[in-house]
């Protein structure tokens, strides 16, 4: 791709960008949301036509008018949002949009289709039932189907867009193994991710875009995290985490020996006004389940919860919100937003009871509140009537944050608040967390990103297999100590428990 420019009317989305992919390499494409990554890849995959510039595949210039054209030229994509037919089988999904083999006397040759499906998964070293309906598969399983779809179309270049956003650690390792096998087969990989540790682990080269323009392209050895972040956002990594001095007040939330079936057992801790308590641990350790139980989504089977010193039974989210507890869910798109609805409607959704009188919504007040948070959280490109589905991941997350802030909470449970958003948007979320703590809010920060937990927390709790295995002050905590406690080693952080 040389000198690629794409204009939408009078707006130039990307300008004079060069990007190339070699057989058998992983080329990471980096930049904030809005930097131009998606636009560039949509041109490569045939979603968009280019305004100017040149695209060549194997030395031959190509002009794609559709994704079908791109696939015919050997370009495949594994999208962030899986695009499969849930009621169809794995085999049937592989052949959607592709010429299917026929029997000699007419009719589709389903046996041949099944054999081709089994063969492509065998080459990927993936064990999957090709006759299973897709709706019964995990996110990771669906992702493998997307990869198989690209390969069965003989793709020589595959674009991976945020592929690990919804995967467990084990599933991520499986994906990296498959990517390694694709490299050995001389498939070129374009890898888009906001997770810097992944980029440095699997990439051979990195290209950085900013504000629709090319910034840098080099071998992975030429970058470290500080340089990469500075190229992406214009400031060093150390300036992304915004956490001032703490002014910790009285106990706001006290949980004593709470359990929820086999999800977590006998967990006790306190949250104070003005305090950020980080909760670390491996995926599946019970962190999210604790947040859900404190918000009334999961039932507590034992233990006691005290709010401002008084015992209180939380049986539903309504009970939690009455006590000014709010919850930011881990999966914003499926749990925190109604994507076809407008930004304004999503922001006000959790507070309709306070905006309604005699059964009628006060639309003027609703609009005023929504506009306030659009301005406060700098939700970019956000006309209040715009469908939230059209926003970037970072701005969608800000809408979810706005929705819970309308409740004017005292206690905030933030579950993976920066998952899948770009570095610039992360910095804005960190700034908001700091401002909320300074305003006296008590915050439980559940996160898989250790730098985030270490930099933003006043205390850190660590979970392993449903149990609390460590507690550290900000001064005591290190990545090594947290890692050991998260692995079940209890002699490194039990002194405070």
Foldseek 3Di string as FASTA:
>chain_A
DFQFWAADVPRTQAGGDDDDWFFLFEEEEDAAVSLCPVVVVCCLQQVDWTPDDFDDDPRHTDTHNHNVRNLLSQEAEQEPDQDFDQQAFLLVRLCVVHDAPADPVGDGDVVVSVVLLVVLCVLLVHDDDRRDGNNPDDLLVSSVSSVSSSVSSVHQEYEYAQSCLPPFPVSVVSVLSSSNSSSVVRRIYYYYHQDVVVCLPGHQKYWYGGNNYTQDIDGSVVDDQQVRVCSRPVHGPVLLFDADDFDWDDWFKWWAFWDFPQLATGDTDTWTWLFEEEEEFGPSLNQLVVLCCLQQNGPIPDTFMDGPRHTDHRNHNVSNLVQQEDEAHSDCPPPQADQQFFLLCSQCVVPQVVQDDPRDGPVVVSVVLSVVLCVVLVLPPHDRRHGLNPGDPLSSLSSSVSNSCVSVGQEYEYAASCRRRHSVSSSSVSVVLNVSSVVGHTYYHYHHDVVNNLRRGQKYWYGESNYTQAIGGSVLDDPVLNVCSSVPNRPSGVPVD
